[in-house]
Structures are given as structure tokens and as C-alpha cells.
Amino acid sequence: LGELGVPTPDSPPAVDRYTSAGPAPAPTTTAAG
């Protein structure tokens, strides 16, 4: 990204060490608006 002119951030973002609630539910399909 730096080669494309994007300024290097002063520092990377802090890592978010959350804990998930376990296995994901079965995916569902939502109709488009």
C-alpha cells in the first residue's frame, strides 16, 4: 500500500482478543431489499 501512496500508520491497531460464543449457527439466506 505504501508504494501506492497510502501513508504508513503511526502504529497498527490494537488486537481485539474477544472470545466467541462457540460454534456458529446454520447459515441462513436473506432476500435482497
PDB file of all heavy atoms in Angstrom:
ATOM      1  N   LEU A   1       0.820  -1.213   0.000  1.00  0.00           N
ATOM      2  CA  LEU A   1       0.000   0.000   0.000  1.00  0.00           C
ATOM      3  C   LEU A   1       0.855   1.265   0.000  1.00  0.00           C
ATOM      4  O   LEU A   1       0.492   2.274  -0.613  1.00  0.00           O
ATOM      5  CB  LEU A   1      -0.934   0.008   1.215  1.00  0.00           C
ATOM      6  CG  LEU A   1      -2.097  -0.990   1.165  1.00  0.00           C
ATOM      7  CD1 LEU A   1      -2.810  -1.046   2.505  1.00  0.00           C
ATOM      8  CD2 LEU A   1      -3.068  -0.630   0.056  1.00  0.00           C
ATOM      9  N   GLY A   2       1.984   1.205   0.669  1.00  0.00           N
ATOM     10  CA  GLY A   2       2.881   2.360   0.689  1.00  0.00           C
ATOM     11  C   GLY A   2       3.370   2.754  -0.693  1.00  0.00           C
ATOM     12  O   GLY A   2       3.538   3.938  -0.995  1.00  0.00           O
ATOM     13  N   GLU A   3       3.579   1.758  -1.552  1.00  0.00           N
ATOM     14  CA  GLU A   3       4.021   2.028  -2.923  1.00  0.00           C
ATOM     15  C   GLU A   3       2.934   2.745  -3.729  1.00  0.00           C
ATOM     16  O   GLU A   3       3.220   3.362  -4.756  1.00  0.00           O
ATOM     17  CB  GLU A   3       4.392   0.714  -3.622  1.00  0.00           C
ATOM     18  CG  GLU A   3       5.630   0.028  -3.070  1.00  0.00           C
ATOM     19  CD  GLU A   3       6.901   0.804  -3.390  1.00  0.00           C
ATOM     20  OE1 GLU A   3       6.944   1.457  -4.456  1.00  0.00           O
ATOM     21  OE2 GLU A   3       7.839   0.769  -2.570  1.00  0.00           O
ATOM     22  N   LEU A   4       1.681   2.675  -3.276  1.00  0.00           N
ATOM     23  CA  LEU A   4       0.574   3.349  -3.960  1.00  0.00           C
ATOM     24  C   LEU A   4       0.303   4.724  -3.374  1.00  0.00           C
ATOM     25  O   LEU A   4      -0.641   5.406  -3.788  1.00  0.00           O
ATOM     26  CB  LEU A   4      -0.695   2.498  -3.866  1.00  0.00           C
ATOM     27  CG  LEU A   4      -0.624   1.100  -4.477  1.00  0.00           C
ATOM     28  CD1 LEU A   4      -1.945   0.376  -4.303  1.00  0.00           C
ATOM     29  CD2 LEU A   4      -0.245   1.180  -5.951  1.00  0.00           C
ATOM     30  N   GLY A   5       1.124   5.127  -2.409  1.00  0.00           N
ATOM     31  CA  GLY A   5       0.961   6.449  -1.821  1.00  0.00           C
ATOM     32  C   GLY A   5       0.139   6.499  -0.553  1.00  0.00           C
ATOM     33  O   GLY A   5      -0.148   7.581  -0.044  1.00  0.00           O
ATOM     34  N   VAL A   6      -0.253   5.330  -0.026  1.00  0.00           N
ATOM     35  CA  VAL A   6      -1.003   5.311   1.227  1.00  0.00           C
ATOM     36  C   VAL A   6      -0.023   5.523   2.384  1.00  0.00           C
ATOM     37  O   VAL A   6       0.935   4.758   2.522  1.00  0.00           O
ATOM     38  CB  VAL A   6      -1.750   3.976   1.413  1.00  0.00           C
ATOM     39  CG1 VAL A   6      -2.579   4.006   2.690  1.00  0.00           C
ATOM     40  CG2 VAL A   6      -2.634   3.692   0.202  1.00  0.00           C
ATOM     41  N   PRO A   7      -0.227   6.558   3.216  1.00  0.00           N
ATOM     42  CA  PRO A   7       0.704   6.808   4.321  1.00  0.00           C
ATOM     43  C   PRO A   7       0.727   5.645   5.308  1.00  0.00           C
ATOM     44  O   PRO A   7      -0.319   5.084   5.646  1.00  0.00           O
ATOM     45  CB  PRO A   7       0.135   8.073   4.982  1.00  0.00           C
ATOM     46  CG  PRO A   7      -0.759   8.691   3.962  1.00  0.00           C
ATOM     47  CD  PRO A   7      -1.311   7.553   3.153  1.00  0.00           C
ATOM     48  N   THR A   8       1.909   5.285   5.755  1.00  0.00           N
ATOM     49  CA  THR A   8       2.026   4.236   6.764  1.00  0.00           C
ATOM     50  C   THR A   8       1.491   4.742   8.090  1.00  0.00           C
ATOM     51  O   THR A   8       1.882   5.813   8.553  1.00  0.00           O
ATOM     52  CB  THR A   8       3.494   3.813   6.929  1.00  0.00           C
ATOM     53  OG1 THR A   8       4.012   3.391   5.675  1.00  0.00           O
ATOM     54  CG2 THR A   8       3.624   2.677   7.935  1.00  0.00           C
ATOM     55  N   PRO A   9       0.574   4.012   8.710  1.00  0.00           N
ATOM     56  CA  PRO A   9       0.037   4.451  10.016  1.00  0.00           C
ATOM     57  C   PRO A   9       1.147   4.581  11.052  1.00  0.00           C
ATOM     58  O   PRO A   9       2.186   3.914  10.971  1.00  0.00           O
ATOM     59  CB  PRO A   9      -0.940   3.334  10.384  1.00  0.00           C
ATOM     60  CG  PRO A   9      -1.304   2.687   9.078  1.00  0.00           C
ATOM     61  CD  PRO A   9      -0.075   2.775   8.231  1.00  0.00           C
ATOM     62  N   ASP A  10       0.914   5.446  12.011  1.00  0.00           N
ATOM     63  CA  ASP A  10       1.897   5.608  13.089  1.00  0.00           C
ATOM     64  C   ASP A  10       2.088   4.304  13.849  1.00  0.00           C
ATOM     65  O   ASP A  10       3.188   4.008  14.333  1.00  0.00           O
ATOM     66  CB  ASP A  10       1.447   6.710  14.055  1.00  0.00           C
ATOM     67  CG  ASP A  10       1.456   8.094  13.411  1.00  0.00           C
ATOM     68  OD1 ASP A  10       2.237   8.292  12.452  1.00  0.00           O
ATOM     69  OD2 ASP A  10       0.684   8.959  13.855  1.00  0.00           O
ATOM     70  N   SER A  11       1.016   3.530  13.953  1.00  0.00           N
ATOM     71  CA  SER A  11       1.097   2.229  14.622  1.00  0.00           C
ATOM     72  C   SER A  11      -0.064   1.371  14.149  1.00  0.00           C
ATOM     73  O   SER A  11      -1.096   1.880  13.714  1.00  0.00           O
ATOM     74  CB  SER A  11       1.042   2.396  16.147  1.00  0.00           C
ATOM     75  OG  SER A  11      -0.188   2.982  16.535  1.00  0.00           O
ATOM     76  N   PRO A  12       0.072   0.049  14.214  1.00  0.00           N
ATOM     77  CA  PRO A  12      -1.044  -0.843  13.865  1.00  0.00           C
ATOM     78  C   PRO A  12      -2.157  -0.722  14.905  1.00  0.00           C
ATOM     79  O   PRO A  12      -1.923  -0.259  16.025  1.00  0.00           O
ATOM     80  CB  PRO A  12      -0.412  -2.240  13.895  1.00  0.00           C
ATOM     81  CG  PRO A  12       1.067  -2.015  13.944  1.00  0.00           C
ATOM     82  CD  PRO A  12       1.272  -0.694  14.599  1.00  0.00           C
ATOM     83  N   PRO A  13      -3.367  -1.146  14.558  1.00  0.00           N
ATOM     84  CA  PRO A  13      -4.455  -1.119  15.545  1.00  0.00           C
ATOM     85  C   PRO A  13      -4.244  -2.166  16.630  1.00  0.00           C
ATOM     86  O   PRO A  13      -3.598  -3.187  16.405  1.00  0.00           O
ATOM     87  CB  PRO A  13      -5.699  -1.430  14.709  1.00  0.00           C
ATOM     88  CG  PRO A  13      -5.178  -2.214  13.538  1.00  0.00           C
ATOM     89  CD  PRO A  13      -3.827  -1.660  13.245  1.00  0.00           C
ATOM     90  N   ALA A  14      -4.803  -1.908  17.789  1.00  0.00           N
ATOM     91  CA  ALA A  14      -4.700  -2.870  18.893  1.00  0.00           C
ATOM     92  C   ALA A  14      -5.502  -4.127  18.568  1.00  0.00           C
ATOM     93  O   ALA A  14      -6.606  -4.054  18.031  1.00  0.00           O
ATOM     94  CB  ALA A  14      -5.213  -2.243  20.181  1.00  0.00           C
ATOM     95  N   VAL A  15      -4.921  -5.271  18.887  1.00  0.00           N
ATOM     96  CA  VAL A  15      -5.598  -6.550  18.668  1.00  0.00           C
ATOM     97  C   VAL A  15      -6.751  -6.707  19.659  1.00  0.00           C
ATOM     98  O   VAL A  15      -6.621  -6.392  20.847  1.00  0.00           O
ATOM     99  CB  VAL A  15      -4.596  -7.713  18.824  1.00  0.00           C
ATOM    100  CG1 VAL A  15      -5.316  -9.048  18.904  1.00  0.00           C
ATOM    101  CG2 VAL A  15      -3.602  -7.715  17.671  1.00  0.00           C
ATOM    102  N   ASP A  16      -7.899  -7.170  19.149  1.00  0.00           N
ATOM    103  CA  ASP A  16      -9.086  -7.385  19.974  1.00  0.00           C
ATOM    104  C   ASP A  16      -9.168  -8.865  20.333  1.00  0.00           C
ATOM    105  O   ASP A  16      -9.511  -9.693  19.493  1.00  0.00           O
ATOM    106  CB  ASP A  16     -10.337  -6.948  19.202  1.00  0.00           C
ATOM    107  CG  ASP A  16     -11.611  -7.135  20.003  1.00  0.00           C
ATOM    108  OD1 ASP A  16     -11.518  -7.504  21.194  1.00  0.00           O
ATOM    109  OD2 ASP A  16     -12.702  -6.935  19.443  1.00  0.00           O
ATOM    110  N   ARG A  17      -8.877  -9.190  21.577  1.00  0.00           N
ATOM    111  CA  ARG A  17      -8.835 -10.598  21.993  1.00  0.00           C
ATOM    112  C   ARG A  17     -10.171 -11.025  22.615  1.00  0.00           C
ATOM    113  O   ARG A  17     -10.240 -11.432  23.775  1.00  0.00           O
ATOM    114  CB  ARG A  17      -7.685 -10.821  22.964  1.00  0.00           C
ATOM    115  CG  ARG A  17      -6.321 -10.681  22.307  1.00  0.00           C
ATOM    116  CD  ARG A  17      -5.196 -10.898  23.303  1.00  0.00           C
ATOM    117  NE  ARG A  17      -3.900 -10.872  22.636  1.00  0.00           N
ATOM    118  CZ  ARG A  17      -3.303 -11.921  22.106  1.00  0.00           C
ATOM    119  NH1 ARG A  17      -3.885 -13.108  22.171  1.00  0.00           N
ATOM    120  NH2 ARG A  17      -2.130 -11.813  21.525  1.00  0.00           N
ATOM    121  N   TYR A  18     -11.229 -10.934  21.829  1.00  0.00           N
ATOM    122  CA  TYR A  18     -12.528 -11.385  22.323  1.00  0.00           C
ATOM    123  C   TYR A  18     -12.602 -12.913  22.272  1.00  0.00           C
ATOM    124  O   TYR A  18     -11.799 -13.579  21.634  1.00  0.00           O
ATOM    125  CB  TYR A  18     -13.658 -10.772  21.486  1.00  0.00           C
ATOM    126  CG  TYR A  18     -13.843 -11.375  20.113  1.00  0.00           C
ATOM    127  CD1 TYR A  18     -14.739 -12.414  19.905  1.00  0.00           C
ATOM    128  CD2 TYR A  18     -13.113 -10.915  19.010  1.00  0.00           C
ATOM    129  CE1 TYR A  18     -14.912 -12.973  18.646  1.00  0.00           C
ATOM    130  CE2 TYR A  18     -13.283 -11.464  17.762  1.00  0.00           C
ATOM    131  CZ  TYR A  18     -14.178 -12.494  17.578  1.00  0.00           C
ATOM    132  OH  TYR A  18     -14.337 -13.046  16.331  1.00  0.00           O
ATOM    133  N   THR A  19     -13.590 -13.475  22.940  1.00  0.00           N
ATOM    134  CA  THR A  19     -13.832 -14.919  22.919  1.00  0.00           C
ATOM    135  C   THR A  19     -15.187 -15.170  22.287  1.00  0.00           C
ATOM    136  O   THR A  19     -16.178 -14.548  22.673  1.00  0.00           O
ATOM    137  CB  THR A  19     -13.821 -15.509  24.336  1.00  0.00           C
ATOM    138  OG1 THR A  19     -12.547 -15.245  24.937  1.00  0.00           O
ATOM    139  CG2 THR A  19     -14.052 -17.010  24.303  1.00  0.00           C
ATOM    140  N   SER A  20     -15.244 -16.073  21.319  1.00  0.00           N
ATOM    141  CA  SER A  20     -16.506 -16.333  20.635  1.00  0.00           C
ATOM    142  C   SER A  20     -17.418 -17.174  21.515  1.00  0.00           C
ATOM    143  O   SER A  20     -16.999 -17.759  22.509  1.00  0.00           O
ATOM    144  CB  SER A  20     -16.271 -17.048  19.306  1.00  0.00           C
ATOM    145  OG  SER A  20     -15.948 -18.409  19.520  1.00  0.00           O
ATOM    146  N   ALA A  21     -18.677 -17.231  21.102  1.00  0.00           N
ATOM    147  CA  ALA A  21     -19.687 -17.954  21.884  1.00  0.00           C
ATOM    148  C   ALA A  21     -19.818 -19.405  21.473  1.00  0.00           C
ATOM    149  O   ALA A  21     -20.780 -20.069  21.828  1.00  0.00           O
ATOM    150  CB  ALA A  21     -21.029 -17.245  21.738  1.00  0.00           C
ATOM    151  N   GLY A  22     -18.869 -19.931  20.719  1.00  0.00           N
ATOM    152  CA  GLY A  22     -18.925 -21.329  20.315  1.00  0.00           C
ATOM    153  C   GLY A  22     -19.263 -21.484  18.856  1.00  0.00           C
ATOM    154  O   GLY A  22     -19.195 -20.544  18.079  1.00  0.00           O
ATOM    155  N   PRO A  23     -19.640 -22.699  18.430  1.00  0.00           N
ATOM    156  CA  PRO A  23     -19.908 -22.972  17.019  1.00  0.00           C
ATOM    157  C   PRO A  23     -20.988 -22.064  16.462  1.00  0.00           C
ATOM    158  O   PRO A  23     -21.929 -21.683  17.153  1.00  0.00           O
ATOM    159  CB  PRO A  23     -20.358 -24.437  17.016  1.00  0.00           C
ATOM    160  CG  PRO A  23     -19.773 -25.004  18.270  1.00  0.00           C
ATOM    161  CD  PRO A  23     -19.785 -23.891  19.267  1.00  0.00           C
ATOM    162  N   ALA A  24     -20.838 -21.707  15.197  1.00  0.00           N
ATOM    163  CA  ALA A  24     -21.788 -20.822  14.551  1.00  0.00           C
ATOM    164  C   ALA A  24     -23.087 -21.554  14.248  1.00  0.00           C
ATOM    165  O   ALA A  24     -23.094 -22.755  14.001  1.00  0.00           O
ATOM    166  CB  ALA A  24     -21.189 -20.275  13.260  1.00  0.00           C
ATOM    167  N   PRO A  25     -24.218 -20.830  14.260  1.00  0.00           N
ATOM    168  CA  PRO A  25     -25.479 -21.440  13.846  1.00  0.00           C
ATOM    169  C   PRO A  25     -25.474 -21.699  12.347  1.00  0.00           C
ATOM    170  O   PRO A  25     -24.641 -21.176  11.612  1.00  0.00           O
ATOM    171  CB  PRO A  25     -26.511 -20.366  14.212  1.00  0.00           C
ATOM    172  CG  PRO A  25     -25.746 -19.078  14.189  1.00  0.00           C
ATOM    173  CD  PRO A  25     -24.359 -19.426  14.654  1.00  0.00           C
ATOM    174  N   ALA A  26     -26.423 -22.514  11.871  1.00  0.00           N
ATOM    175  CA  ALA A  26     -26.517 -22.801  10.444  1.00  0.00           C
ATOM    176  C   ALA A  26     -26.793 -21.509   9.691  1.00  0.00           C
ATOM    177  O   ALA A  26     -27.619 -20.702  10.103  1.00  0.00           O
ATOM    178  CB  ALA A  26     -27.635 -23.803  10.185  1.00  0.00           C
ATOM    179  N   PRO A  27     -26.055 -21.253   8.577  1.00  0.00           N
ATOM    180  CA  PRO A  27     -26.259 -20.026   7.820  1.00  0.00           C
ATOM    181  C   PRO A  27     -27.651 -19.967   7.214  1.00  0.00           C
ATOM    182  O   PRO A  27     -28.245 -20.987   6.855  1.00  0.00           O
ATOM    183  CB  PRO A  27     -25.174 -20.096   6.736  1.00  0.00           C
ATOM    184  CG  PRO A  27     -24.839 -21.542   6.608  1.00  0.00           C
ATOM    185  CD  PRO A  27     -25.046 -22.125   7.972  1.00  0.00           C
ATOM    186  N   THR A  28     -28.182 -18.744   7.123  1.00  0.00           N
ATOM    187  CA  THR A  28     -29.485 -18.535   6.510  1.00  0.00           C
ATOM    188  C   THR A  28     -29.345 -17.616   5.318  1.00  0.00           C
ATOM    189  O   THR A  28     -28.374 -16.877   5.207  1.00  0.00           O
ATOM    190  CB  THR A  28     -30.476 -17.914   7.509  1.00  0.00           C
ATOM    191  OG1 THR A  28     -29.929 -16.677   7.997  1.00  0.00           O
ATOM    192  CG2 THR A  28     -30.718 -18.844   8.681  1.00  0.00           C
ATOM    193  N   THR A  29     -30.299 -17.675   4.424  1.00  0.00           N
ATOM    194  CA  THR A  29     -30.290 -16.839   3.240  1.00  0.00           C
ATOM    195  C   THR A  29     -31.317 -15.731   3.414  1.00  0.00           C
ATOM    196  O   THR A  29     -32.472 -15.992   3.731  1.00  0.00           O
ATOM    197  CB  THR A  29     -30.644 -17.660   1.984  1.00  0.00           C
ATOM    198  OG1 THR A  29     -29.699 -18.708   1.866  1.00  0.00           O
ATOM    199  CG2 THR A  29     -30.591 -16.787   0.734  1.00  0.00           C
ATOM    200  N   THR A  30     -30.877 -14.493   3.218  1.00  0.00           N
ATOM    201  CA  THR A  30     -31.754 -13.342   3.347  1.00  0.00           C
ATOM    202  C   THR A  30     -32.012 -12.754   1.984  1.00  0.00           C
ATOM    203  O   THR A  30     -31.079 -12.511   1.212  1.00  0.00           O
ATOM    204  CB  THR A  30     -31.109 -12.266   4.253  1.00  0.00           C
ATOM    205  OG1 THR A  30     -30.821 -12.865   5.513  1.00  0.00           O
ATOM    206  CG2 THR A  30     -32.044 -11.090   4.445  1.00  0.00           C
ATOM    207  N   ALA A  31     -33.254 -12.494   1.673  1.00  0.00           N
ATOM    208  CA  ALA A  31     -33.602 -11.927   0.375  1.00  0.00           C
ATOM    209  C   ALA A  31     -33.095 -10.508   0.264  1.00  0.00           C
ATOM    210  O   ALA A  31     -33.015  -9.776   1.248  1.00  0.00           O
ATOM    211  CB  ALA A  31     -35.125 -11.941   0.204  1.00  0.00           C
ATOM    212  N   ALA A  32     -32.746 -10.098  -0.946  1.00  0.00           N
ATOM    213  CA  ALA A  32     -32.249  -8.744  -1.181  1.00  0.00           C
ATOM    214  C   ALA A  32     -33.379  -7.745  -0.981  1.00  0.00           C
ATOM    215  O   ALA A  32     -34.550  -8.034  -1.232  1.00  0.00           O
ATOM    216  CB  ALA A  32     -31.709  -8.627  -2.606  1.00  0.00           C
ATOM    217  N   GLY A  33     -33.038  -6.525  -0.509  1.00  0.00           N
ATOM    218  CA  GLY A  33     -34.028  -5.488  -0.295  1.00  0.00           C
ATOM    219  C   GLY A  33     -34.636  -5.023  -1.606  1.00  0.00           C
ATOM    220  O   GLY A  33     -34.024  -5.098  -2.667  1.00  0.00           O
TER     221      GLY A  33
END
